[in-house]
């Protein structure tokens, strides 16, 4: 009787109804479990007849992707590298074709259709190239092959730099996401603290409204951080030649900014820039093509050897002949002029590329110096000061010495400084990757090691 009265009283409130439902559910679970146990004791043969169910092993977590592994995967599966490799393979055909000699020609002629006076001739015409045409053609094809190889190295250098930049951007995005999650936790805890103080009558309910608004703003920033992290993952996966089916697990955290190399060390490596190497090879190729056009001004000789059969005399007669074209109207002067002008153009492009590479390297180094100074200021002054001010504001707010606006302002300052620091680190690695791309040098941008 008393138990029934207790149940009726509990049903009168919402929490009481929940407790009663939980109690009923627990009783049903215990009854079901006891029934299963009794069934096991009563019919062990039936249980033995059932096949044993083996749960599948838990899937192992994927191994973290290091920077070197990411670069290797990109170089192996990136379609742009594959296309440039195909171009190198195609240039082998140009070299093979350039080494080929002209084919001989088989000729047949018939004189007089009457059988008594008919004459038939069989003749082989062999062209002989003069003026070094074959050597010039082969050299031009070899220069084209070297240029295709230089373009492949340039594509690899660009891809390597893009992978390095995307890798560290993904790391920074992951750190910003973790920072946003911590910010939501802090904002939630702060809102709870303000709610308790409002319930105790220590602060105005307006403070609780401000706290909830601030928490909502932080949640919006968390959503933006999630989107940025996904975009960074998608960019990195695209460079690796993979579909973004699952998030990539990256190794480690976003490291500090790499050291800025000295200007003289950079200038010493300018000659190895893939852009300049390709431009110099273009000059050499154009010079070889000019030699090809110059060799065409020398006429070739065609030697003929054959036999003639005359039905009237019933004799075979040998045929010997030599033919030489006369360069009276066409001396290949137009093609030669075009080749000379294109050679001059290639020299001008080489000079322009040299100036551009020097300028871009100087700009990338200046950007790296600026970002390094920003990171140093954030590490030594801004971040410690903002963190100390935020901790002091929290303690002061709990003791009633500061209002919530001061706490909110200190929190925003600290989070903004931390986010700025992560973005600056990513920019520093991007500047280092740009220098590596311009120089074609795969120096480790993830370490604080200068170029040498």
Protein backbone atom coordinates (compact mmCIF):
# COMPACT_ATOMS: atom_id res chain seq x y z
CA UNK A 1 0.00 0.00 0.00
CA UNK A 2 2.74 2.41 0.95
CA UNK A 3 4.62 1.46 -2.22
CA UNK A 4 1.61 2.37 -4.34
CA UNK A 5 1.21 5.73 -2.59
CA UNK A 6 4.91 6.38 -3.23
CA UNK A 7 4.52 5.60 -6.91
CA UNK A 8 1.51 7.90 -7.19
CA UNK A 9 3.45 10.73 -5.56
CA UNK A 10 6.38 10.17 -7.91
CA UNK A 11 4.12 10.26 -10.95
CA UNK A 12 3.01 13.73 -9.91
CA UNK A 13 6.28 15.31 -11.05
CA UNK A 14 8.27 15.05 -14.27
CA UNK A 15 11.40 13.81 -12.53
CA UNK A 16 9.34 11.35 -10.60
CA UNK A 17 7.81 9.97 -13.77
CA UNK A 18 11.28 9.50 -15.23
CA UNK A 19 12.43 7.60 -12.14
CA UNK A 20 9.41 5.32 -12.26
CA UNK A 21 9.98 4.58 -15.96
CA UNK A 22 13.62 3.82 -15.26
CA UNK A 23 12.65 1.51 -12.38
CA UNK A 24 10.15 -0.35 -14.57
CA UNK A 25 12.72 -0.68 -17.34
CA UNK A 26 15.31 -2.03 -14.91
CA UNK A 27 12.82 -4.60 -13.62
CA UNK A 28 12.04 -5.75 -17.17
CA UNK A 29 15.74 -6.12 -17.94
CA UNK A 30 16.30 -8.18 -14.78
CA UNK A 31 13.31 -10.37 -15.57
CA UNK A 32 14.55 -10.92 -19.13
CA UNK A 33 18.05 -11.74 -17.94
CA UNK A 34 16.76 -14.22 -15.34
CA UNK A 35 14.62 -15.87 -18.03
CA UNK A 36 17.62 -16.25 -20.27
CA UNK A 37 19.65 -17.80 -17.47
CA UNK A 38 16.88 -20.27 -16.67
CA UNK A 39 16.56 -21.13 -20.35
CA UNK A 40 20.27 -21.83 -20.48
CA UNK A 41 20.00 -24.20 -17.52
CA UNK A 42 16.95 -25.98 -18.95
CA UNK A 43 18.07 -26.50 -22.54
CA UNK A 44 21.85 -26.59 -22.86
CA UNK A 45 21.57 -28.82 -25.97
CA UNK A 46 19.72 -26.10 -27.89
CA UNK A 47 22.41 -23.57 -27.07
CA UNK A 48 25.12 -25.98 -28.11
CA UNK A 49 23.47 -26.43 -31.48
CA UNK A 50 23.63 -22.72 -32.22
CA UNK A 51 26.80 -21.58 -34.05
CA UNK A 52 29.13 -19.36 -32.09
CA UNK A 53 29.09 -15.72 -33.16
CA UNK A 54 32.53 -14.17 -33.38
CA UNK A 55 32.57 -10.39 -33.26
CA UNK A 56 34.75 -8.82 -35.96
CA UNK A 57 37.97 -7.28 -34.72
CA UNK A 58 38.00 -3.55 -34.33
CA UNK A 59 39.53 -1.72 -37.25
CA UNK A 60 42.98 -0.42 -36.49
CA UNK A 61 43.51 3.30 -36.66
CA UNK A 62 45.31 4.39 -39.84
CA UNK A 63 48.96 5.26 -39.46
CA UNK A 64 49.66 9.00 -39.34
CA UNK A 65 50.73 10.52 -42.64
CA UNK A 66 54.13 12.18 -42.44
CA UNK A 67 55.26 15.00 -44.69
CA UNK A 68 57.75 12.82 -46.56
CA UNK A 69 55.07 10.19 -47.17
CA UNK A 70 52.67 12.83 -48.43
CA UNK A 71 55.28 14.14 -50.90
CA UNK A 72 56.06 10.61 -52.08
CA UNK A 73 52.37 9.79 -52.63
CA UNK A 74 51.82 13.04 -54.51
CA UNK A 75 54.78 12.46 -56.82
CA UNK A 76 53.55 8.93 -57.49
CA UNK A 77 49.85 9.51 -58.10
CA UNK A 78 49.44 13.16 -59.10
CA UNK A 79 48.00 13.44 -62.65
CA UNK A 80 50.09 16.50 -63.54
CA UNK A 81 53.30 14.59 -62.82
CA UNK A 82 51.98 11.66 -64.84
CA UNK A 83 51.24 13.97 -67.78
CA UNK A 84 54.72 15.52 -67.64
CA UNK A 85 56.23 12.02 -67.50
CA UNK A 86 54.29 11.09 -70.62
CA UNK A 87 55.76 14.14 -72.35
CA UNK A 88 59.27 12.94 -71.51
CA UNK A 89 58.46 9.53 -72.89
CA UNK A 90 57.03 11.10 -76.04
CA UNK A 91 60.22 13.12 -76.57
CA UNK A 92 62.12 9.84 -76.84
CA UNK A 93 60.22 9.31 -80.07
CA UNK A 94 61.53 12.62 -81.39
CA UNK A 95 65.11 11.54 -80.72
CA UNK A 96 64.50 8.20 -82.40
CA UNK A 97 62.94 9.88 -85.42
CA UNK A 98 65.70 12.45 -85.63
CA UNK A 99 68.32 9.70 -85.89
CA UNK A 100 66.52 7.99 -88.79
CA UNK A 101 67.98 8.24 -92.26
CA UNK A 102 65.83 8.95 -95.35
CA UNK A 103 64.27 5.90 -96.97
CA UNK A 104 65.41 4.70 -100.39
CA UNK A 105 62.93 4.83 -103.25
CA UNK A 106 62.04 2.05 -105.70
CA UNK A 107 60.95 3.25 -109.15
CA UNK A 108 59.58 1.39 -112.18
CA UNK A 109 59.01 2.77 -115.66
CA UNK A 110 57.65 1.36 -118.88
CA UNK A 111 58.51 2.68 -122.36
CA UNK A 112 56.30 1.78 -125.33
CA UNK A 113 53.37 -0.53 -124.84
CA UNK A 114 54.17 -2.70 -127.88
CA UNK A 115 55.81 -5.93 -126.87
CA UNK A 116 58.40 -5.91 -129.70
CA UNK A 117 59.82 -2.48 -128.81
CA UNK A 118 58.92 -2.35 -125.11
CA UNK A 119 61.52 -1.23 -122.55
CA UNK A 120 61.20 -1.70 -118.76
CA UNK A 121 63.32 -0.06 -116.08
CA UNK A 122 63.76 -0.87 -112.39
CA UNK A 123 65.58 1.76 -110.35
CA UNK A 124 66.53 2.45 -106.71
CA UNK A 125 66.94 6.10 -105.66
CA UNK A 126 69.01 6.70 -102.54
CA UNK A 127 68.88 10.22 -100.99
CA UNK A 128 72.09 11.39 -99.36
CA UNK A 129 71.70 14.17 -96.79
CA UNK A 130 74.29 16.90 -96.85
CA UNK A 131 75.01 19.87 -94.59
CA UNK A 132 74.75 17.92 -91.32
CA UNK A 133 70.97 17.64 -91.44
CA UNK A 134 70.78 14.40 -89.47
CA UNK A 135 73.12 15.57 -86.71
CA UNK A 136 71.31 18.90 -86.40
CA UNK A 137 67.93 17.18 -86.32
CA UNK A 138 69.10 14.70 -83.67
CA UNK A 139 70.57 17.45 -81.51
CA UNK A 140 67.33 19.44 -81.67
CA UNK A 141 65.36 16.36 -80.61
CA UNK A 142 67.75 15.74 -77.71
CA UNK A 143 67.34 19.32 -76.54
CA UNK A 144 63.56 18.88 -76.69
CA UNK A 145 63.91 15.77 -74.54
CA UNK A 146 66.06 17.63 -72.01
CA UNK A 147 63.51 20.43 -71.94
CA UNK A 148 60.70 17.94 -71.29
CA UNK A 149 62.75 16.50 -68.43
CA UNK A 150 63.27 20.01 -67.03
CA UNK A 151 59.53 20.65 -67.24
CA UNK A 152 58.94 17.43 -65.32
CA UNK A 153 61.34 18.57 -62.60
CA UNK A 154 59.58 21.93 -62.47
CA UNK A 155 56.20 20.22 -62.08
CA UNK A 156 57.63 18.06 -59.31
CA UNK A 157 59.11 21.08 -57.53
CA UNK A 158 55.81 22.94 -57.76
CA UNK A 159 53.88 19.92 -56.55
CA UNK A 160 56.32 19.37 -53.69
CA UNK A 161 55.95 22.98 -52.58
CA UNK A 162 52.15 22.81 -52.82
CA UNK A 163 52.07 19.61 -50.77
CA UNK A 164 54.30 21.14 -48.09
CA UNK A 165 52.12 24.25 -47.89
CA UNK A 166 48.88 22.24 -47.90
CA UNK A 167 50.24 19.84 -45.27
CA UNK A 168 51.09 22.59 -42.82
CA UNK A 169 47.85 24.41 -43.60
CA UNK A 170 45.98 21.23 -42.71
CA UNK A 171 47.96 20.97 -39.47
CA UNK A 172 47.23 24.59 -38.65
CA UNK A 173 43.55 24.09 -39.49
CA UNK A 174 43.45 21.12 -37.15
CA UNK A 175 45.03 23.19 -34.39
CA UNK A 176 42.52 25.99 -35.00
CA UNK A 177 39.71 23.46 -34.78
CA UNK A 178 41.03 22.19 -31.45
CA UNK A 179 41.34 25.79 -30.29
CA UNK A 180 37.74 26.49 -31.31
CA UNK A 181 36.58 23.40 -29.44
CA UNK A 182 38.43 24.55 -26.33
CA UNK A 183 36.86 27.97 -26.79
CA UNK A 184 33.38 26.43 -26.84
CA UNK A 185 34.20 24.51 -23.66
CA UNK A 186 35.45 27.67 -21.96
CA UNK A 187 32.45 29.65 -23.11
CA UNK A 188 30.10 26.93 -21.88
CA UNK A 189 31.84 26.82 -18.50
CA UNK A 190 31.72 30.59 -18.27
CA UNK A 191 28.01 30.60 -19.08
CA UNK A 192 27.42 28.04 -16.34
CA UNK A 193 29.41 30.11 -13.87
CA UNK A 194 27.46 33.23 -14.75
CA UNK A 195 24.17 31.32 -14.42
CA UNK A 196 25.18 30.18 -10.93
CA UNK A 197 26.06 33.72 -9.94
CA UNK A 198 22.76 34.97 -11.33
CA UNK A 199 20.90 32.28 -9.36
CA UNK A 200 22.76 33.33 -6.24
CA UNK A 201 21.78 36.95 -6.85
CA UNK A 202 25.36 38.20 -7.21
CA UNK A 203 25.11 39.54 -10.75
CA UNK A 204 22.36 40.82 -13.02
CA UNK A 205 20.51 38.43 -15.39
CA UNK A 206 21.80 40.63 -18.19
CA UNK A 207 25.22 39.09 -17.62
CA UNK A 208 23.77 35.64 -18.29
CA UNK A 209 22.28 36.85 -21.57
CA UNK A 210 25.64 38.28 -22.62
CA UNK A 211 27.33 35.02 -21.75
CA UNK A 212 24.88 33.03 -23.87
CA UNK A 213 25.36 35.43 -26.79
CA UNK A 214 29.13 35.07 -26.48
CA UNK A 215 28.81 31.30 -26.37
CA UNK A 216 26.71 31.35 -29.54
CA UNK A 217 29.37 33.46 -31.27
CA UNK A 218 32.06 30.98 -30.27
CA UNK A 219 29.96 28.13 -31.66
CA UNK A 220 29.77 29.98 -34.97
CA UNK A 221 33.56 30.24 -34.97
CA UNK A 222 33.71 26.49 -34.28
CA UNK A 223 31.56 25.82 -37.34
CA UNK A 224 33.90 27.99 -39.43
CA UNK A 225 36.92 26.13 -38.07
CA UNK A 226 35.31 22.80 -38.99
CA UNK A 227 34.70 24.05 -42.53
CA UNK A 228 38.27 25.35 -42.88
CA UNK A 229 39.66 22.05 -41.63
CA UNK A 230 37.60 20.12 -44.18
CA UNK A 231 38.70 22.42 -46.99
CA UNK A 232 42.35 21.99 -46.01
CA UNK A 233 41.91 18.21 -45.97
CA UNK A 234 40.27 18.33 -49.40
CA UNK A 235 43.10 20.40 -50.90
CA UNK A 236 45.74 18.06 -49.51
CA UNK A 237 43.86 14.96 -50.69
CA UNK A 238 43.55 16.45 -54.19
CA UNK A 239 47.31 16.99 -54.35
CA UNK A 240 47.84 13.40 -53.25
CA UNK A 241 45.58 12.21 -56.05
CA UNK A 242 42.98 10.77 -53.68
CA UNK A 243 39.28 11.27 -53.23
CA UNK A 244 38.47 12.84 -49.83
CA UNK A 245 36.53 9.77 -48.63
CA UNK A 246 37.87 9.89 -45.08
CA UNK A 247 39.88 12.53 -43.20
CA UNK A 248 43.64 12.23 -43.43
CA UNK A 249 45.44 11.54 -40.17
CA UNK A 250 48.47 13.83 -40.10
CA UNK A 251 51.56 13.24 -38.06
CA UNK A 252 52.42 15.67 -35.30
CA UNK A 253 51.40 19.23 -34.64
CA UNK A 254 52.04 22.42 -36.55
CA UNK A 255 55.74 23.14 -35.87
CA UNK A 256 57.29 26.52 -35.41
CA UNK A 257 58.38 28.61 -38.36
CA UNK A 258 61.44 27.43 -40.32
CA UNK A 259 64.59 29.48 -40.23
CA UNK A 260 64.99 32.14 -42.91
CA UNK A 261 67.99 31.38 -45.16
CA UNK A 262 70.60 34.00 -45.88
CA UNK A 263 70.30 36.06 -49.05
CA UNK A 264 73.67 34.96 -50.40
CA UNK A 265 72.74 31.31 -49.94
CA UNK A 266 69.58 31.84 -51.97
CA UNK A 267 71.37 33.68 -54.74
CA UNK A 268 73.91 30.86 -55.01
CA UNK A 269 71.08 28.42 -55.77
CA UNK A 270 69.29 30.56 -58.34
CA UNK A 271 71.10 28.85 -61.22
CA UNK A 272 69.45 25.54 -60.24
CA UNK A 273 65.96 27.00 -60.51
CA UNK A 274 63.79 24.74 -62.71
CA UNK A 275 62.36 27.81 -64.42
CA UNK A 276 65.79 29.07 -65.44
CA UNK A 277 66.99 25.59 -66.41
CA UNK A 278 64.00 25.19 -68.72
CA UNK A 279 64.53 28.68 -70.18
CA UNK A 280 68.20 27.93 -70.91
CA UNK A 281 67.25 24.65 -72.55
CA UNK A 282 64.74 26.52 -74.69
CA UNK A 283 67.56 28.76 -75.92
CA UNK A 284 69.65 25.68 -76.74
CA UNK A 285 66.73 24.02 -78.50
CA UNK A 286 66.04 27.12 -80.58
CA UNK A 287 69.72 27.30 -81.50
CA UNK A 288 69.59 23.66 -82.59
CA UNK A 289 66.46 24.33 -84.66
CA UNK A 290 68.27 27.23 -86.30
CA UNK A 291 71.06 24.84 -87.21
CA UNK A 292 68.46 22.51 -88.71
CA UNK A 293 67.10 25.27 -90.92
CA UNK A 294 70.61 26.30 -91.94
CA UNK A 295 71.41 22.73 -92.96
CA UNK A 296 68.37 22.76 -95.24
CA UNK A 297 70.00 25.43 -97.37
CA UNK A 298 72.50 22.80 -98.57
CA UNK A 299 70.82 20.68 -101.26
CA UNK A 300 70.75 16.91 -100.90
CA UNK A 301 72.01 14.51 -103.55
CA UNK A 302 69.99 11.56 -104.81
CA UNK A 303 71.94 8.65 -106.31
CA UNK A 304 70.05 6.30 -108.66
CA UNK A 305 70.98 2.72 -109.51
CA UNK A 306 68.93 0.41 -111.72
CA UNK A 307 68.57 -1.81 -114.76
CA UNK A 308 66.77 -1.41 -118.09
CA UNK A 309 65.46 -4.29 -120.19
CA UNK A 310 64.82 -3.72 -123.92
CA UNK A 311 62.73 -6.28 -125.79
CA UNK A 312 63.91 -4.97 -129.12
CA UNK A 313 67.59 -5.65 -128.46
CA UNK A 314 67.01 -8.39 -125.87
CA UNK A 315 69.64 -6.83 -123.63
CA UNK A 316 69.82 -5.57 -120.02
CA UNK A 317 71.39 -2.15 -119.54
CA UNK A 318 72.63 -0.66 -116.27
CA UNK A 319 71.26 2.70 -115.15
CA UNK A 320 73.29 5.14 -113.05
CA UNK A 321 72.13 8.62 -112.17
CA UNK A 322 72.64 11.57 -109.85
CA UNK A 323 70.13 14.34 -109.18
CA UNK A 324 70.69 17.59 -107.29
CA UNK A 325 67.98 20.21 -106.69
CA UNK A 326 68.91 23.71 -107.77
CA UNK A 327 68.25 26.28 -105.00
CA UNK A 328 67.13 29.02 -107.36
CA UNK A 329 63.76 30.10 -105.97
CA UNK A 330 63.52 28.42 -102.54
CA UNK A 331 66.61 28.68 -100.38
CA UNK A 332 64.69 28.16 -97.10
CA UNK A 333 65.33 31.79 -96.24
CA UNK A 334 61.90 32.26 -94.61
CA UNK A 335 62.21 29.32 -92.22
CA UNK A 336 65.75 30.35 -91.36
CA UNK A 337 64.66 33.90 -90.54
CA UNK A 338 61.86 32.58 -88.33
CA UNK A 339 64.25 30.28 -86.49
CA UNK A 340 66.70 33.14 -85.87
CA UNK A 341 64.00 35.42 -84.50
CA UNK A 342 62.62 32.66 -82.25
CA UNK A 343 66.13 32.09 -80.95
CA UNK A 344 66.35 35.78 -80.05
CA UNK A 345 62.96 35.52 -78.39
CA UNK A 346 64.15 32.59 -76.28
CA UNK A 347 67.14 34.66 -75.09
CA UNK A 348 64.85 37.53 -74.12
CA UNK A 349 62.57 35.13 -72.23
CA UNK A 350 65.59 33.73 -70.40
CA UNK A 351 66.58 37.21 -69.26
CA UNK A 352 63.01 37.98 -68.19
CA UNK A 353 62.76 34.67 -66.30
CA UNK A 354 66.04 35.40 -64.51
CA UNK A 355 64.79 38.78 -63.32
CA UNK A 356 61.44 37.30 -62.32
CA UNK A 357 62.98 34.45 -60.31
CA UNK A 358 65.33 36.83 -58.49
CA UNK A 359 62.40 39.11 -57.67
CA UNK A 360 60.12 36.29 -56.52
CA UNK A 361 62.83 34.79 -54.32
CA UNK A 362 63.51 38.16 -52.73
CA UNK A 363 59.79 38.69 -52.11
CA UNK A 364 59.38 35.22 -50.62
CA UNK A 365 62.36 35.77 -48.32
CA UNK A 366 61.06 39.19 -47.27
CA UNK A 367 57.69 37.63 -46.51
CA UNK A 368 59.37 34.90 -44.48
CA UNK A 369 61.30 37.51 -42.48
CA UNK A 370 58.13 39.51 -41.81
CA UNK A 371 56.18 36.44 -40.72
CA UNK A 372 59.09 35.25 -38.54
CA UNK A 373 59.12 38.62 -36.75
CA UNK A 374 55.35 38.37 -36.26
CA UNK A 375 55.65 34.85 -34.85
CA UNK A 376 58.43 35.91 -32.51
CA UNK A 377 56.37 38.82 -31.19
CA UNK A 378 53.36 36.57 -30.70
CA UNK A 379 55.37 33.90 -28.89
CA UNK A 380 57.30 36.23 -26.61
CA UNK A 381 54.85 39.03 -25.87
CA UNK A 382 51.32 38.72 -27.20
CA UNK A 383 50.41 35.15 -26.29
CA UNK A 384 51.87 35.12 -22.76
CA UNK A 385 50.31 38.50 -22.00
CA UNK A 386 46.92 37.56 -23.39
CA UNK A 387 46.93 34.24 -21.51
CA UNK A 388 47.93 35.91 -18.24
CA UNK A 389 45.25 38.58 -18.65
CA UNK A 390 42.62 35.95 -19.40
CA UNK A 391 43.54 33.83 -16.36
CA UNK A 392 43.53 36.91 -14.13
CA UNK A 393 40.13 37.97 -15.48
CA UNK A 394 38.68 34.52 -14.75
CA UNK A 395 39.98 34.53 -11.19
CA UNK A 396 38.82 38.09 -10.64
CA UNK A 397 35.37 37.34 -12.03
CA UNK A 398 34.98 34.33 -9.72
CA UNK A 399 35.91 36.52 -6.78
CA UNK A 400 33.57 39.31 -7.87
CA UNK A 401 36.28 41.82 -8.77
CA UNK A 402 35.65 41.93 -12.55
CA UNK A 403 32.47 41.97 -14.56
CA UNK A 404 31.67 39.56 -17.34
CA UNK A 405 32.51 42.03 -20.12
CA UNK A 406 36.10 42.16 -18.96
CA UNK A 407 36.29 38.37 -18.93
CA UNK A 408 34.76 38.19 -22.40
CA UNK A 409 37.15 40.78 -23.77
CA UNK A 410 40.17 38.95 -22.31
CA UNK A 411 38.94 35.66 -23.74
CA UNK A 412 38.46 37.08 -27.22
CA UNK A 413 41.90 38.70 -27.13
CA UNK A 414 43.59 35.44 -26.17
CA UNK A 415 41.75 33.34 -28.76
CA UNK A 416 42.39 35.90 -31.51
CA UNK A 417 46.12 35.95 -30.65
CA UNK A 418 46.28 32.16 -30.71
CA UNK A 419 44.49 31.97 -34.06
CA UNK A 420 46.78 34.68 -35.48
CA UNK A 421 49.79 32.69 -34.32
CA UNK A 422 48.61 29.53 -36.11
CA UNK A 423 47.92 31.45 -39.32
CA UNK A 424 51.36 33.07 -39.15
CA UNK A 425 53.03 29.67 -38.77
CA UNK A 426 51.16 28.40 -41.84
CA UNK A 427 52.20 31.51 -43.81
CA UNK A 428 55.83 30.98 -42.80
CA UNK A 429 55.82 27.45 -44.14
CA UNK A 430 54.11 28.62 -47.33
CA UNK A 431 56.85 31.24 -47.87
CA UNK A 432 59.52 28.58 -47.32
CA UNK A 433 57.70 26.28 -49.75
CA UNK A 434 57.65 29.08 -52.35
CA UNK A 435 61.41 29.48 -52.05
CA UNK A 436 61.85 25.73 -52.42
CA UNK A 437 59.64 25.77 -55.51
CA UNK A 438 61.59 28.59 -57.12
CA UNK A 439 64.95 26.99 -56.37
CA UNK A 440 63.93 23.42 -57.10
CA UNK A 441 65.52 22.43 -53.79
CA UNK A 442 63.63 20.10 -51.46
CA UNK A 443 65.10 21.43 -48.25
CA UNK A 444 63.07 20.42 -45.15
CA UNK A 445 60.65 23.30 -44.60
CA UNK A 446 59.23 21.53 -41.55
CA UNK A 447 62.50 21.99 -39.64
CA UNK A 448 64.34 25.06 -38.51
CA UNK A 449 67.24 24.38 -40.84
CA UNK A 450 68.49 27.13 -43.16
CA UNK A 451 69.55 26.50 -46.72
CA UNK A 452 73.20 25.80 -47.33
